[in-house]
């Protein structure tokens, strides 16, 4: 299950994480976010080498602004506290897995 993060634990769970972290920037009212939610959960339940988190942009607007998230869903992958890959909009699971694989193999960083 994806870890729900917020302003209070973003730094600890994402920026200070020793793991690769995928963050799904979403909002409850966003239809494409609702469509991608089961895919994000499926990825979080898989052993793909990434920690999966969800961040509600309505509750963590300053973080969304810091990372220039202006369209959702936005998937950002962090490594050592830095964004190393980004995907905007709805994408199928295979596309997101390719994004993760690219980071893990060093082709996105």
PDB file of N, CA and C in Angstrom:
ATOM      1  N   UNK A   1       0.838  -1.175   0.000  1.00  0.00           N
ATOM      2  CA  UNK A   1       0.000   0.000   0.000  1.00  0.00           C
ATOM      3  C   UNK A   1       0.887   1.244   0.000  1.00  0.00           C
ATOM      4  N   UNK A   2       0.524   2.216  -0.807  1.00  0.00           N
ATOM      5  CA  UNK A   2       1.294   3.454  -0.890  1.00  0.00           C
ATOM      6  C   UNK A   2       1.207   4.210   0.433  1.00  0.00           C
ATOM      7  N   UNK A   3       2.293   4.852   0.783  1.00  0.00           N
ATOM      8  CA  UNK A   3       2.370   5.634   2.007  1.00  0.00           C
ATOM      9  C   UNK A   3       1.837   7.035   1.735  1.00  0.00           C
ATOM     10  N   UNK A   4       0.833   7.462   2.488  1.00  0.00           N
ATOM     11  CA  UNK A   4       0.306   8.822   2.332  1.00  0.00           C
ATOM     12  C   UNK A   4       1.195   9.771   3.122  1.00  0.00           C
ATOM     13  N   UNK A   5       1.744  10.741   2.412  1.00  0.00           N
ATOM     14  CA  UNK A   5       2.644  11.692   3.046  1.00  0.00           C
ATOM     15  C   UNK A   5       2.029  13.083   3.020  1.00  0.00           C
ATOM     16  N   UNK A   6       2.618  13.982   3.814  1.00  0.00           N
ATOM     17  CA  UNK A   6       2.102  15.347   3.915  1.00  0.00           C
ATOM     18  C   UNK A   6       3.262  16.300   4.183  1.00  0.00           C
ATOM     19  N   UNK A   7       2.934  17.542   4.476  1.00  0.00           N
ATOM     20  CA  UNK A   7       3.964  18.545   4.724  1.00  0.00           C
ATOM     21  C   UNK A   7       4.861  18.127   5.889  1.00  0.00           C
ATOM     22  N   UNK A   8       4.271  17.528   6.909  1.00  0.00           N
ATOM     23  CA  UNK A   8       5.029  17.180   8.114  1.00  0.00           C
ATOM     24  C   UNK A   8       6.056  16.073   7.908  1.00  0.00           C
ATOM     25  N   UNK A   9       5.776  15.112   7.024  1.00  0.00           N
ATOM     26  CA  UNK A   9       6.706  13.994   6.884  1.00  0.00           C
ATOM     27  C   UNK A   9       7.363  13.881   5.504  1.00  0.00           C
ATOM     28  N   UNK A  10       7.135  14.852   4.626  1.00  0.00           N
ATOM     29  CA  UNK A  10       7.708  14.812   3.279  1.00  0.00           C
ATOM     30  C   UNK A  10       9.238  14.733   3.315  1.00  0.00           C
ATOM     31  N   UNK A  11       9.845  15.583   4.112  1.00  0.00           N
ATOM     32  CA  UNK A  11      11.303  15.603   4.173  1.00  0.00           C
ATOM     33  C   UNK A  11      11.851  14.257   4.636  1.00  0.00           C
ATOM     34  N   UNK A  12      11.276  13.728   5.704  1.00  0.00           N
ATOM     35  CA  UNK A  12      11.739  12.452   6.252  1.00  0.00           C
ATOM     36  C   UNK A  12      11.503  11.300   5.280  1.00  0.00           C
ATOM     37  N   UNK A  13      10.297  11.197   4.731  1.00  0.00           N
ATOM     38  CA  UNK A  13       9.916  10.040   3.913  1.00  0.00           C
ATOM     39  C   UNK A  13      10.443  10.096   2.483  1.00  0.00           C
ATOM     40  N   UNK A  14      10.672  11.305   1.969  1.00  0.00           N
ATOM     41  CA  UNK A  14      11.087  11.441   0.567  1.00  0.00           C
ATOM     42  C   UNK A  14      12.517  11.965   0.456  1.00  0.00           C
ATOM     43  N   UNK A  15      12.748  13.157   0.954  1.00  0.00           N
ATOM     44  CA  UNK A  15      14.047  13.796   0.750  1.00  0.00           C
ATOM     45  C   UNK A  15      15.180  13.097   1.477  1.00  0.00           C
ATOM     46  N   UNK A  16      14.910  12.559   2.656  1.00  0.00           N
ATOM     47  CA  UNK A  16      15.949  11.885   3.442  1.00  0.00           C
ATOM     48  C   UNK A  16      15.962  10.373   3.261  1.00  0.00           C
ATOM     49  N   UNK A  17      15.125   9.863   2.380  1.00  0.00           N
ATOM     50  CA  UNK A  17      15.038   8.426   2.175  1.00  0.00           C
ATOM     51  C   UNK A  17      16.289   7.888   1.492  1.00  0.00           C
ATOM     52  N   UNK A  18      16.729   6.733   1.931  1.00  0.00           N
ATOM     53  CA  UNK A  18      17.854   6.059   1.290  1.00  0.00           C
ATOM     54  C   UNK A  18      17.395   5.254   0.075  1.00  0.00           C
ATOM     55  N   UNK A  19      16.064   5.110  -0.040  1.00  0.00           N
ATOM     56  CA  UNK A  19      15.484   4.361  -1.156  1.00  0.00           C
ATOM     57  C   UNK A  19      15.111   5.315  -2.287  1.00  0.00           C
ATOM     58  N   UNK A  20      14.920   4.764  -3.456  1.00  0.00           N
ATOM     59  CA  UNK A  20      14.315   5.492  -4.559  1.00  0.00           C
ATOM     60  C   UNK A  20      12.852   5.693  -4.183  1.00  0.00           C
ATOM     61  N   UNK A  21      12.307   6.901  -4.376  1.00  0.00           N
ATOM     62  CA  UNK A  21      10.939   7.195  -3.941  1.00  0.00           C
ATOM     63  C   UNK A  21      10.113   7.725  -5.104  1.00  0.00           C
ATOM     64  N   UNK A  22       9.000   7.076  -5.371  1.00  0.00           N
ATOM     65  CA  UNK A  22       8.022   7.549  -6.340  1.00  0.00           C
ATOM     66  C   UNK A  22       6.939   8.292  -5.562  1.00  0.00           C
ATOM     67  N   UNK A  23       6.664   9.543  -5.944  1.00  0.00           N
ATOM     68  CA  UNK A  23       5.622  10.311  -5.288  1.00  0.00           C
ATOM     69  C   UNK A  23       4.534  10.631  -6.301  1.00  0.00           C
ATOM     70  N   UNK A  24       3.326  10.215  -5.977  1.00  0.00           N
ATOM     71  CA  UNK A  24       2.142  10.507  -6.787  1.00  0.00           C
ATOM     72  C   UNK A  24       1.509  11.775  -6.220  1.00  0.00           C
ATOM     73  N   UNK A  25       1.635  12.895  -6.949  1.00  0.00           N
ATOM     74  CA  UNK A  25       0.981  14.145  -6.583  1.00  0.00           C
ATOM     75  C   UNK A  25      -0.439  14.078  -7.156  1.00  0.00           C
ATOM     76  N   UNK A  26      -1.442  14.151  -6.282  1.00  0.00           N
ATOM     77  CA  UNK A  26      -2.829  13.933  -6.696  1.00  0.00           C
ATOM     78  C   UNK A  26      -3.772  14.857  -5.930  1.00  0.00           C
ATOM     79  N   UNK A  27      -5.051  14.825  -6.337  1.00  0.00           N
ATOM     80  CA  UNK A  27      -6.127  15.476  -5.587  1.00  0.00           C
ATOM     81  C   UNK A  27      -7.349  14.572  -5.659  1.00  0.00           C
ATOM     82  N   UNK A  28      -8.140  14.589  -4.602  1.00  0.00           N
ATOM     83  CA  UNK A  28      -9.320  13.727  -4.548  1.00  0.00           C
ATOM     84  C   UNK A  28     -10.327  14.033  -5.657  1.00  0.00           C
ATOM     85  N   UNK A  29     -10.414  15.280  -6.088  1.00  0.00           N
ATOM     86  CA  UNK A  29     -11.405  15.693  -7.087  1.00  0.00           C
ATOM     87  C   UNK A  29     -10.954  15.427  -8.526  1.00  0.00           C
ATOM     88  N   UNK A  30      -9.734  14.977  -8.717  1.00  0.00           N
ATOM     89  CA  UNK A  30      -9.129  14.820 -10.049  1.00  0.00           C
ATOM     90  C   UNK A  30      -9.461  13.445 -10.633  1.00  0.00           C
ATOM     91  N   UNK A  31     -10.232  13.432 -11.730  1.00  0.00           N
ATOM     92  CA  UNK A  31     -10.624  12.162 -12.348  1.00  0.00           C
ATOM     93  C   UNK A  31      -9.433  11.347 -12.847  1.00  0.00           C
ATOM     94  N   UNK A  32      -8.466  11.943 -13.564  1.00  0.00           N
ATOM     95  CA  UNK A  32      -7.306  11.142 -13.972  1.00  0.00           C
ATOM     96  C   UNK A  32      -6.516  10.594 -12.773  1.00  0.00           C
ATOM     97  N   UNK A  33      -6.513  11.342 -11.664  1.00  0.00           N
ATOM     98  CA  UNK A  33      -5.843  10.861 -10.442  1.00  0.00           C
ATOM     99  C   UNK A  33      -6.547   9.621  -9.913  1.00  0.00           C
ATOM    100  N   UNK A  34      -7.864   9.627  -9.986  1.00  0.00           N
ATOM    101  CA  UNK A  34      -8.639   8.473  -9.536  1.00  0.00           C
ATOM    102  C   UNK A  34      -8.392   7.269 -10.448  1.00  0.00           C
ATOM    103  N   UNK A  35      -8.192   7.549 -11.736  1.00  0.00           N
ATOM    104  CA  UNK A  35      -7.929   6.474 -12.688  1.00  0.00           C
ATOM    105  C   UNK A  35      -6.557   5.830 -12.472  1.00  0.00           C
ATOM    106  N   UNK A  36      -5.571   6.649 -12.089  1.00  0.00           N
ATOM    107  CA  UNK A  36      -4.211   6.127 -11.919  1.00  0.00           C
ATOM    108  C   UNK A  36      -3.998   5.535 -10.525  1.00  0.00           C
ATOM    109  N   UNK A  37      -4.877   5.842  -9.581  1.00  0.00           N
ATOM    110  CA  UNK A  37      -4.712   5.384  -8.191  1.00  0.00           C
ATOM    111  C   UNK A  37      -4.536   3.871  -8.073  1.00  0.00           C
ATOM    112  N   UNK A  38      -5.360   3.049  -8.752  1.00  0.00           N
ATOM    113  CA  UNK A  38      -5.151   1.595  -8.632  1.00  0.00           C
ATOM    114  C   UNK A  38      -3.809   1.138  -9.205  1.00  0.00           C
ATOM    115  N   UNK A  39      -3.331   1.844 -10.213  1.00  0.00           N
ATOM    116  CA  UNK A  39      -2.030   1.512 -10.805  1.00  0.00           C
ATOM    117  C   UNK A  39      -0.919   1.817  -9.806  1.00  0.00           C
ATOM    118  N   UNK A  40      -1.027   2.971  -9.150  1.00  0.00           N
ATOM    119  CA  UNK A  40      -0.036   3.355  -8.140  1.00  0.00           C
ATOM    120  C   UNK A  40      -0.041   2.334  -6.999  1.00  0.00           C
ATOM    121  N   UNK A  41      -1.238   1.930  -6.558  1.00  0.00           N
ATOM    122  CA  UNK A  41      -1.335   0.927  -5.490  1.00  0.00           C
ATOM    123  C   UNK A  41      -0.732  -0.401  -5.934  1.00  0.00           C
ATOM    124  N   UNK A  42      -0.977  -0.783  -7.177  1.00  0.00           N
ATOM    125  CA  UNK A  42      -0.435  -2.033  -7.701  1.00  0.00           C
ATOM    126  C   UNK A  42       1.090  -1.990  -7.720  1.00  0.00           C
ATOM    127  N   UNK A  43       1.645  -0.858  -8.142  1.00  0.00           N
ATOM    128  CA  UNK A  43       3.104  -0.695  -8.143  1.00  0.00           C
ATOM    129  C   UNK A  43       3.644  -0.758  -6.721  1.00  0.00           C
ATOM    130  N   UNK A  44       2.920  -0.137  -5.783  1.00  0.00           N
ATOM    131  CA  UNK A  44       3.388  -0.141  -4.387  1.00  0.00           C
ATOM    132  C   UNK A  44       3.372  -1.545  -3.792  1.00  0.00           C
ATOM    133  N   UNK A  45       2.480  -2.389  -4.282  1.00  0.00           N
ATOM    134  CA  UNK A  45       2.398  -3.768  -3.793  1.00  0.00           C
ATOM    135  C   UNK A  45       3.376  -4.703  -4.502  1.00  0.00           C
ATOM    136  N   UNK A  46       4.047  -4.200  -5.534  1.00  0.00           N
ATOM    137  CA  UNK A  46       5.022  -4.991  -6.287  1.00  0.00           C
ATOM    138  C   UNK A  46       6.413  -4.743  -5.733  1.00  0.00           C
ATOM    139  N   UNK A  47       7.308  -5.630  -6.043  1.00  0.00           N
ATOM    140  CA  UNK A  47       8.697  -5.461  -5.626  1.00  0.00           C
ATOM    141  C   UNK A  47       9.489  -4.916  -6.815  1.00  0.00           C
ATOM    142  N   UNK A  48       9.352  -3.600  -7.047  1.00  0.00           N
ATOM    143  CA  UNK A  48      10.016  -2.996  -8.204  1.00  0.00           C
ATOM    144  C   UNK A  48      11.196  -2.111  -7.806  1.00  0.00           C
ATOM    145  N   UNK A  49      11.547  -2.113  -6.535  1.00  0.00           N
ATOM    146  CA  UNK A  49      12.724  -1.374  -6.096  1.00  0.00           C
ATOM    147  C   UNK A  49      12.500   0.094  -5.828  1.00  0.00           C
ATOM    148  N   UNK A  50      11.258   0.460  -5.512  1.00  0.00           N
ATOM    149  CA  UNK A  50      10.943   1.863  -5.254  1.00  0.00           C
ATOM    150  C   UNK A  50       9.927   1.960  -4.117  1.00  0.00           C
ATOM    151  N   UNK A  51      10.111   2.954  -3.280  1.00  0.00           N
ATOM    152  CA  UNK A  51       9.148   3.266  -2.224  1.00  0.00           C
ATOM    153  C   UNK A  51       8.070   4.135  -2.862  1.00  0.00           C
ATOM    154  N   UNK A  52       6.801   3.811  -2.660  1.00  0.00           N
ATOM    155  CA  UNK A  52       5.701   4.529  -3.306  1.00  0.00           C
ATOM    156  C   UNK A  52       4.939   5.364  -2.280  1.00  0.00           C
ATOM    157  N   UNK A  53       4.796   6.653  -2.591  1.00  0.00           N
ATOM    158  CA  UNK A  53       4.102   7.591  -1.709  1.00  0.00           C
ATOM    159  C   UNK A  53       3.064   8.373  -2.496  1.00  0.00           C
ATOM    160  N   UNK A  54       2.052   8.856  -1.780  1.00  0.00           N
ATOM    161  CA  UNK A  54       1.018   9.695  -2.372  1.00  0.00           C
ATOM    162  C   UNK A  54       0.974  11.006  -1.592  1.00  0.00           C
ATOM    163  N   UNK A  55       0.861  12.121  -2.320  1.00  0.00           N
ATOM    164  CA  UNK A  55       0.823  13.438  -1.705  1.00  0.00           C
ATOM    165  C   UNK A  55      -0.358  14.211  -2.272  1.00  0.00           C
ATOM    166  N   UNK A  56      -1.313  14.557  -1.410  1.00  0.00           N
ATOM    167  CA  UNK A  56      -2.485  15.326  -1.826  1.00  0.00           C
ATOM    168  C   UNK A  56      -2.071  16.787  -1.986  1.00  0.00           C
ATOM    169  N   UNK A  57      -2.149  17.302  -3.215  1.00  0.00           N
ATOM    170  CA  UNK A  57      -1.679  18.667  -3.485  1.00  0.00           C
ATOM    171  C   UNK A  57      -2.533  19.723  -2.795  1.00  0.00           C
ATOM    172  N   UNK A  58      -3.796  19.418  -2.523  1.00  0.00           N
ATOM    173  CA  UNK A  58      -4.653  20.370  -1.818  1.00  0.00           C
ATOM    174  C   UNK A  58      -4.221  20.538  -0.365  1.00  0.00           C
ATOM    175  N   UNK A  59      -3.630  19.497   0.193  1.00  0.00           N
ATOM    176  CA  UNK A  59      -3.191  19.541   1.587  1.00  0.00           C
ATOM    177  C   UNK A  59      -1.711  19.877   1.719  1.00  0.00           C
ATOM    178  N   UNK A  60      -0.989  19.847   0.623  1.00  0.00           N
ATOM    179  CA  UNK A  60       0.455  20.123   0.653  1.00  0.00           C
ATOM    180  C   UNK A  60       0.836  21.030  -0.513  1.00  0.00           C
ATOM    181  N   UNK A  61       0.069  22.093  -0.676  1.00  0.00           N
ATOM    182  CA  UNK A  61       0.273  23.013  -1.803  1.00  0.00           C
ATOM    183  C   UNK A  61       1.697  23.562  -1.874  1.00  0.00           C
ATOM    184  N   UNK A  62       2.324  23.934  -0.755  1.00  0.00           N
ATOM    185  CA  UNK A  62       3.692  24.465  -0.844  1.00  0.00           C
ATOM    186  C   UNK A  62       4.693  23.478  -1.467  1.00  0.00           C
ATOM    187  N   UNK A  63       4.516  22.199  -1.195  1.00  0.00           N
ATOM    188  CA  UNK A  63       5.407  21.200  -1.780  1.00  0.00           C
ATOM    189  C   UNK A  63       5.151  21.088  -3.279  1.00  0.00           C
ATOM    190  N   UNK A  64       3.876  21.076  -3.670  1.00  0.00           N
ATOM    191  CA  UNK A  64       3.540  21.021  -5.095  1.00  0.00           C
ATOM    192  C   UNK A  64       4.140  22.218  -5.829  1.00  0.00           C
ATOM    193  N   UNK A  65       4.076  23.388  -5.229  1.00  0.00           N
ATOM    194  CA  UNK A  65       4.633  24.588  -5.858  1.00  0.00           C
ATOM    195  C   UNK A  65       6.157  24.506  -5.944  1.00  0.00           C
ATOM    196  N   UNK A  66       6.790  24.003  -4.897  1.00  0.00           N
ATOM    197  CA  UNK A  66       8.253  23.886  -4.889  1.00  0.00           C
ATOM    198  C   UNK A  66       8.742  23.031  -6.055  1.00  0.00           C
ATOM    199  N   UNK A  67       7.992  21.982  -6.376  1.00  0.00           N
ATOM    200  CA  UNK A  67       8.387  21.075  -7.449  1.00  0.00           C
ATOM    201  C   UNK A  67       7.669  21.375  -8.769  1.00  0.00           C
ATOM    202  N   UNK A  68       7.065  22.571  -8.827  1.00  0.00           N
ATOM    203  CA  UNK A  68       6.425  23.076 -10.056  1.00  0.00           C
ATOM    204  C   UNK A  68       5.378  22.119 -10.618  1.00  0.00           C
ATOM    205  N   UNK A  69       4.618  21.505  -9.714  1.00  0.00           N
ATOM    206  CA  UNK A  69       3.538  20.614 -10.131  1.00  0.00           C
ATOM    207  C   UNK A  69       2.319  21.491 -10.423  1.00  0.00           C
ATOM    208  N   UNK A  70       2.015  21.656 -11.700  1.00  0.00           N
ATOM    209  CA  UNK A  70       0.872  22.478 -12.091  1.00  0.00           C
ATOM    210  C   UNK A  70      -0.233  21.657 -12.742  1.00  0.00           C
ATOM    211  N   UNK A  71       0.067  20.410 -13.068  1.00  0.00           N
ATOM    212  CA  UNK A  71      -0.915  19.483 -13.622  1.00  0.00           C
ATOM    213  C   UNK A  71      -0.813  18.181 -12.850  1.00  0.00           C
ATOM    214  N   UNK A  72      -1.975  17.588 -12.596  1.00  0.00           N
ATOM    215  CA  UNK A  72      -1.998  16.308 -11.889  1.00  0.00           C
ATOM    216  C   UNK A  72      -2.829  15.310 -12.669  1.00  0.00           C
ATOM    217  N   UNK A  73      -2.574  14.031 -12.500  1.00  0.00           N
ATOM    218  CA  UNK A  73      -1.565  13.461 -11.634  1.00  0.00           C
ATOM    219  C   UNK A  73      -0.156  13.752 -12.153  1.00  0.00           C
ATOM    220  N   UNK A  74       0.753  13.928 -11.223  1.00  0.00           N
ATOM    221  CA  UNK A  74       2.167  14.093 -11.534  1.00  0.00           C
ATOM    222  C   UNK A  74       2.931  13.061 -10.715  1.00  0.00           C
ATOM    223  N   UNK A  75       3.753  12.309 -11.393  1.00  0.00           N
ATOM    224  CA  UNK A  75       4.573  11.295 -10.741  1.00  0.00           C
ATOM    225  C   UNK A  75       6.010  11.795 -10.777  1.00  0.00           C
ATOM    226  N   UNK A  76       6.590  12.007  -9.607  1.00  0.00           N
ATOM    227  CA  UNK A  76       7.984  12.416  -9.503  1.00  0.00           C
ATOM    228  C   UNK A  76       8.751  11.309  -8.811  1.00  0.00           C
ATOM    229  N   UNK A  77       9.918  11.006  -9.335  1.00  0.00           N
ATOM    230  CA  UNK A  77      10.777  10.007  -8.712  1.00  0.00           C
ATOM    231  C   UNK A  77      11.990  10.729  -8.134  1.00  0.00           C
ATOM    232  N   UNK A  78      12.221  10.477  -6.846  1.00  0.00           N
ATOM    233  CA  UNK A  78      13.308  11.111  -6.119  1.00  0.00           C
ATOM    234  C   UNK A  78      14.409  10.099  -5.828  1.00  0.00           C
ATOM    235  N   UNK A  79      15.637  10.558  -5.965  1.00  0.00           N
ATOM    236  CA  UNK A  79      16.800   9.769  -5.588  1.00  0.00           C
ATOM    237  C   UNK A  79      17.737  10.704  -4.839  1.00  0.00           C
ATOM    238  N   UNK A  80      18.099  10.328  -3.632  1.00  0.00           N
ATOM    239  CA  UNK A  80      18.966  11.161  -2.802  1.00  0.00           C
ATOM    240  C   UNK A  80      18.414  12.580  -2.647  1.00  0.00           C
ATOM    241  N   UNK A  81      17.099  12.691  -2.516  1.00  0.00           N
ATOM    242  CA  UNK A  81      16.464  13.977  -2.282  1.00  0.00           C
ATOM    243  C   UNK A  81      16.268  14.844  -3.507  1.00  0.00           C
ATOM    244  N   UNK A  82      16.615  14.343  -4.672  1.00  0.00           N
ATOM    245  CA  UNK A  82      16.493  15.113  -5.906  1.00  0.00           C
ATOM    246  C   UNK A  82      15.531  14.420  -6.877  1.00  0.00           C
ATOM    247  N   UNK A  83      14.784  15.230  -7.638  1.00  0.00           N
ATOM    248  CA  UNK A  83      13.905  14.676  -8.665  1.00  0.00           C
ATOM    249  C   UNK A  83      14.779  14.189  -9.815  1.00  0.00           C
ATOM    250  N   UNK A  84      14.624  12.907 -10.163  1.00  0.00           N
ATOM    251  CA  UNK A  84      15.419  12.333 -11.249  1.00  0.00           C
ATOM    252  C   UNK A  84      14.558  11.908 -12.433  1.00  0.00           C
ATOM    253  N   UNK A  85      13.243  11.900 -12.248  1.00  0.00           N
ATOM    254  CA  UNK A  85      12.332  11.561 -13.343  1.00  0.00           C
ATOM    255  C   UNK A  85      10.955  12.122 -13.012  1.00  0.00           C
ATOM    256  N   UNK A  86      10.190  12.413 -14.068  1.00  0.00           N
ATOM    257  CA  UNK A  86       8.878  13.022 -13.882  1.00  0.00           C
ATOM    258  C   UNK A  86       7.938  12.555 -14.991  1.00  0.00           C
ATOM    259  N   UNK A  87       6.691  12.325 -14.617  1.00  0.00           N
ATOM    260  CA  UNK A  87       5.655  11.941 -15.575  1.00  0.00           C
ATOM    261  C   UNK A  87       4.384  12.708 -15.219  1.00  0.00           C
ATOM    262  N   UNK A  88       3.811  13.368 -16.192  1.00  0.00           N
ATOM    263  CA  UNK A  88       2.608  14.174 -15.965  1.00  0.00           C
ATOM    264  C   UNK A  88       1.429  13.525 -16.682  1.00  0.00           C
ATOM    265  N   UNK A  89       0.290  13.466 -15.997  1.00  0.00           N
ATOM    266  CA  UNK A  89      -0.917  12.924 -16.599  1.00  0.00           C
ATOM    267  C   UNK A  89      -1.057  11.433 -16.359  1.00  0.00           C
ATOM    268  N   UNK A  90      -2.143  10.884 -16.875  1.00  0.00           N
ATOM    269  CA  UNK A  90      -2.412   9.460 -16.718  1.00  0.00           C
ATOM    270  C   UNK A  90      -1.490   8.649 -17.607  1.00  0.00           C
ATOM    271  N   UNK A  91      -0.916   7.587 -17.060  1.00  0.00           N
ATOM    272  CA  UNK A  91      -0.092   6.651 -17.818  1.00  0.00           C
ATOM    273  C   UNK A  91      -0.415   5.242 -17.359  1.00  0.00           C
ATOM    274  N   UNK A  92      -0.321   4.314 -18.281  1.00  0.00           N
ATOM    275  CA  UNK A  92      -0.534   2.908 -17.957  1.00  0.00           C
ATOM    276  C   UNK A  92       0.606   2.405 -17.076  1.00  0.00           C
ATOM    277  N   UNK A  93       0.361   1.302 -16.411  1.00  0.00           N
ATOM    278  CA  UNK A  93       1.344   0.719 -15.499  1.00  0.00           C
ATOM    279  C   UNK A  93       2.670   0.447 -16.204  1.00  0.00           C
ATOM    280  N   UNK A  94       2.621  -0.082 -17.406  1.00  0.00           N
ATOM    281  CA  UNK A  94       3.840  -0.426 -18.137  1.00  0.00           C
ATOM    282  C   UNK A  94       4.718   0.803 -18.354  1.00  0.00           C
ATOM    283  N   UNK A  95       4.106   1.935 -18.656  1.00  0.00           N
ATOM    284  CA  UNK A  95       4.865   3.166 -18.872  1.00  0.00           C
ATOM    285  C   UNK A  95       5.544   3.619 -17.584  1.00  0.00           C
ATOM    286  N   UNK A  96       4.826   3.523 -16.469  1.00  0.00           N
ATOM    287  CA  UNK A  96       5.408   3.929 -15.189  1.00  0.00           C
ATOM    288  C   UNK A  96       6.527   2.968 -14.776  1.00  0.00           C
ATOM    289  N   UNK A  97       6.348   1.693 -15.041  1.00  0.00           N
ATOM    290  CA  UNK A  97       7.407   0.725 -14.737  1.00  0.00           C
ATOM    291  C   UNK A  97       8.647   0.993 -15.576  1.00  0.00           C
ATOM    292  N   UNK A  98       8.479   1.404 -16.832  1.00  0.00           N
ATOM    293  CA  UNK A  98       9.624   1.758 -17.679  1.00  0.00           C
ATOM    294  C   UNK A  98      10.339   2.986 -17.126  1.00  0.00           C
ATOM    295  N   UNK A  99       9.566   3.942 -16.610  1.00  0.00           N
ATOM    296  CA  UNK A  99      10.160   5.139 -16.006  1.00  0.00           C
ATOM    297  C   UNK A  99      11.016   4.744 -14.793  1.00  0.00           C
ATOM    298  N   UNK A 100      10.460   3.894 -13.936  1.00  0.00           N
ATOM    299  CA  UNK A 100      11.186   3.417 -12.760  1.00  0.00           C
ATOM    300  C   UNK A 100      12.424   2.646 -13.169  1.00  0.00           C
ATOM    301  N   UNK A 101      12.262   1.761 -14.133  1.00  0.00           N
ATOM    302  CA  UNK A 101      13.378   0.942 -14.606  1.00  0.00           C
ATOM    303  C   UNK A 101      14.495   1.821 -15.171  1.00  0.00           C
ATOM    304  N   UNK A 102      14.116   2.873 -15.879  1.00  0.00           N
ATOM    305  CA  UNK A 102      15.105   3.795 -16.425  1.00  0.00           C
ATOM    306  C   UNK A 102      15.936   4.449 -15.330  1.00  0.00           C
ATOM    307  N   UNK A 103      15.276   4.829 -14.249  1.00  0.00           N
ATOM    308  CA  UNK A 103      15.996   5.430 -13.124  1.00  0.00           C
ATOM    309  C   UNK A 103      16.899   4.396 -12.459  1.00  0.00           C
ATOM    310  N   UNK A 104      16.357   3.216 -12.227  1.00  0.00           N
ATOM    311  CA  UNK A 104      17.144   2.157 -11.581  1.00  0.00           C
ATOM    312  C   UNK A 104      18.367   1.773 -12.399  1.00  0.00           C
ATOM    313  N   UNK A 105      18.236   1.834 -13.734  1.00  0.00           N
ATOM    314  CA  UNK A 105      19.349   1.483 -14.622  1.00  0.00           C
ATOM    315  C   UNK A 105      20.260   2.661 -14.917  1.00  0.00           C
ATOM    316  N   UNK A 106      19.913   3.827 -14.373  1.00  0.00           N
ATOM    317  CA  UNK A 106      20.773   5.002 -14.539  1.00  0.00           C
ATOM    318  C   UNK A 106      20.572   5.787 -15.812  1.00  0.00           C
ATOM    319  N   UNK A 107      19.546   5.478 -16.593  1.00  0.00           N
ATOM    320  CA  UNK A 107      19.363   6.205 -17.849  1.00  0.00           C
ATOM    321  C   UNK A 107      18.570   7.497 -17.675  1.00  0.00           C
ATOM    322  N   UNK A 108      17.970   7.710 -16.493  1.00  0.00           N
ATOM    323  CA  UNK A 108      17.209   8.944 -16.261  1.00  0.00           C
ATOM    324  C   UNK A 108      17.925   9.912 -15.326  1.00  0.00           C
ATOM    325  N   UNK A 109      19.087   9.564 -14.810  1.00  0.00           N
ATOM    326  CA  UNK A 109      19.723  10.460 -13.851  1.00  0.00           C
ATOM    327  C   UNK A 109      21.091  10.866 -14.231  1.00  0.00           C
TER     328      UNK A 109
END
